[in-house]
């Protein structure tokens, strides 16, 4: 017997509800894992992954920024801009 997507989702939802995972957390994690998996299957090619997901590639970049938070590079760049700004004043 083949398990349908509906029955698989119900099983996962029951498991999450059973351990008290809030809807917002479950949705955030699902979306992040879904997008990352699409990228992995596309061998890191964001454009190809976006086609498979039916969204624009900028949407994937935005989702990753939103769901993962700032990247190390973004934090570094922000700190560098702040340091340069302070040096220019004083």
C-alpha atoms as a PDB file:
ATOM      1  CA  UNK A   1       0.000   0.000   0.000  1.00  0.00           C
ATOM      2  CA  UNK A   2       1.355   3.421  -0.980  1.00  0.00           C
ATOM      3  CA  UNK A   3       1.109   6.198   1.566  1.00  0.00           C
ATOM      4  CA  UNK A   4      -0.526   9.341   0.152  1.00  0.00           C
ATOM      5  CA  UNK A   5       0.837  12.822   0.755  1.00  0.00           C
ATOM      6  CA  UNK A   6      -2.263  13.554   2.835  1.00  0.00           C
ATOM      7  CA  UNK A   7      -1.695  10.607   5.159  1.00  0.00           C
ATOM      8  CA  UNK A   8       2.012  11.441   5.440  1.00  0.00           C
ATOM      9  CA  UNK A   9       1.234  15.046   6.346  1.00  0.00           C
ATOM     10  CA  UNK A  10      -1.355  13.986   8.912  1.00  0.00           C
ATOM     11  CA  UNK A  11       1.209  11.687  10.534  1.00  0.00           C
ATOM     12  CA  UNK A  12       3.786  14.483  10.679  1.00  0.00           C
ATOM     13  CA  UNK A  13       1.244  17.019  11.970  1.00  0.00           C
ATOM     14  CA  UNK A  14       0.103  14.635  14.701  1.00  0.00           C
ATOM     15  CA  UNK A  15       3.718  14.133  15.736  1.00  0.00           C
ATOM     16  CA  UNK A  16       4.383  17.889  15.873  1.00  0.00           C
ATOM     17  CA  UNK A  17       1.187  18.581  17.793  1.00  0.00           C
ATOM     18  CA  UNK A  18       2.034  15.760  20.169  1.00  0.00           C
ATOM     19  CA  UNK A  19       5.244  17.483  21.238  1.00  0.00           C
ATOM     20  CA  UNK A  20       3.736  20.973  21.316  1.00  0.00           C
ATOM     21  CA  UNK A  21       5.368  22.581  18.280  1.00  0.00           C
ATOM     22  CA  UNK A  22       3.592  25.894  17.515  1.00  0.00           C
ATOM     23  CA  UNK A  23       2.180  26.377  14.006  1.00  0.00           C
ATOM     24  CA  UNK A  24       4.498  29.310  13.246  1.00  0.00           C
ATOM     25  CA  UNK A  25       7.604  27.271  14.124  1.00  0.00           C
ATOM     26  CA  UNK A  26       6.406  24.279  12.114  1.00  0.00           C
ATOM     27  CA  UNK A  27       5.652  26.434   9.064  1.00  0.00           C
ATOM     28  CA  UNK A  28       8.978  28.264   9.255  1.00  0.00           C
ATOM     29  CA  UNK A  29      10.963  25.041   9.516  1.00  0.00           C
ATOM     30  CA  UNK A  30       8.959  23.360   6.757  1.00  0.00           C
ATOM     31  CA  UNK A  31       9.455  26.259   4.368  1.00  0.00           C
ATOM     32  CA  UNK A  32      13.177  26.517   5.101  1.00  0.00           C
ATOM     33  CA  UNK A  33      13.736  22.770   4.667  1.00  0.00           C
ATOM     34  CA  UNK A  34      11.589  22.712   1.503  1.00  0.00           C
ATOM     35  CA  UNK A  35      13.552  25.541  -0.126  1.00  0.00           C
ATOM     36  CA  UNK A  36      16.940  24.170   0.956  1.00  0.00           C
ATOM     37  CA  UNK A  37      16.050  20.720  -0.339  1.00  0.00           C
ATOM     38  CA  UNK A  38      15.041  22.170  -3.709  1.00  0.00           C
ATOM     39  CA  UNK A  39      18.406  23.952  -3.858  1.00  0.00           C
ATOM     40  CA  UNK A  40      20.238  20.742  -2.949  1.00  0.00           C
ATOM     41  CA  UNK A  41      18.371  18.795  -5.632  1.00  0.00           C
ATOM     42  CA  UNK A  42      19.301  21.512  -8.131  1.00  0.00           C
ATOM     43  CA  UNK A  43      22.964  21.111  -7.105  1.00  0.00           C
ATOM     44  CA  UNK A  44      23.066  24.626  -5.686  1.00  0.00           C
ATOM     45  CA  UNK A  45      21.587  26.278  -8.763  1.00  0.00           C
ATOM     46  CA  UNK A  46      19.106  28.849  -7.386  1.00  0.00           C
ATOM     47  CA  UNK A  47      17.535  29.535 -10.791  1.00  0.00           C
ATOM     48  CA  UNK A  48      16.871  25.851 -11.390  1.00  0.00           C
ATOM     49  CA  UNK A  49      15.544  25.419  -7.844  1.00  0.00           C
ATOM     50  CA  UNK A  50      13.235  28.413  -8.285  1.00  0.00           C
ATOM     51  CA  UNK A  51      11.792  26.897 -11.451  1.00  0.00           C
ATOM     52  CA  UNK A  52      11.110  23.653  -9.608  1.00  0.00           C
ATOM     53  CA  UNK A  53       9.383  25.557  -6.811  1.00  0.00           C
ATOM     54  CA  UNK A  54       7.443  27.761  -9.220  1.00  0.00           C
ATOM     55  CA  UNK A  55       8.813  31.027  -7.805  1.00  0.00           C
ATOM     56  CA  UNK A  56      11.240  33.704  -8.969  1.00  0.00           C
ATOM     57  CA  UNK A  57      14.862  33.216  -7.895  1.00  0.00           C
ATOM     58  CA  UNK A  58      14.726  36.482  -5.926  1.00  0.00           C
ATOM     59  CA  UNK A  59      11.936  34.933  -3.872  1.00  0.00           C
ATOM     60  CA  UNK A  60      14.278  32.123  -2.835  1.00  0.00           C
ATOM     61  CA  UNK A  61      16.989  34.598  -1.845  1.00  0.00           C
ATOM     62  CA  UNK A  62      14.443  36.580   0.167  1.00  0.00           C
ATOM     63  CA  UNK A  63      13.078  33.464   1.867  1.00  0.00           C
ATOM     64  CA  UNK A  64      16.554  32.354   2.871  1.00  0.00           C
ATOM     65  CA  UNK A  65      17.379  35.792   4.289  1.00  0.00           C
ATOM     66  CA  UNK A  66      14.088  35.906   6.175  1.00  0.00           C
ATOM     67  CA  UNK A  67      14.088  32.320   7.423  1.00  0.00           C
ATOM     68  CA  UNK A  68      17.801  31.980   8.221  1.00  0.00           C
ATOM     69  CA  UNK A  69      18.431  35.489   9.466  1.00  0.00           C
ATOM     70  CA  UNK A  70      21.472  37.520   8.508  1.00  0.00           C
ATOM     71  CA  UNK A  71      24.359  35.588   7.031  1.00  0.00           C
ATOM     72  CA  UNK A  72      27.864  35.807   8.402  1.00  0.00           C
ATOM     73  CA  UNK A  73      28.829  37.885   5.387  1.00  0.00           C
ATOM     74  CA  UNK A  74      25.983  40.367   5.960  1.00  0.00           C
ATOM     75  CA  UNK A  75      26.926  40.747   9.622  1.00  0.00           C
ATOM     76  CA  UNK A  76      30.577  41.270   8.651  1.00  0.00           C
ATOM     77  CA  UNK A  77      29.667  43.831   5.973  1.00  0.00           C
ATOM     78  CA  UNK A  78      27.451  45.754   8.399  1.00  0.00           C
ATOM     79  CA  UNK A  79      30.233  45.855  11.004  1.00  0.00           C
ATOM     80  CA  UNK A  80      32.728  47.026   8.372  1.00  0.00           C
ATOM     81  CA  UNK A  81      30.405  49.834   7.227  1.00  0.00           C
ATOM     82  CA  UNK A  82      29.894  50.914  10.834  1.00  0.00           C
ATOM     83  CA  UNK A  83      33.656  50.937  11.508  1.00  0.00           C
ATOM     84  CA  UNK A  84      34.292  53.005   8.368  1.00  0.00           C
ATOM     85  CA  UNK A  85      31.513  55.421   9.324  1.00  0.00           C
ATOM     86  CA  UNK A  86      33.039  55.954  12.763  1.00  0.00           C
ATOM     87  CA  UNK A  87      36.541  56.451  11.344  1.00  0.00           C
ATOM     88  CA  UNK A  88      35.233  59.080   8.949  1.00  0.00           C
ATOM     89  CA  UNK A  89      33.776  61.101  11.840  1.00  0.00           C
ATOM     90  CA  UNK A  90      36.661  61.015  14.167  1.00  0.00           C
END
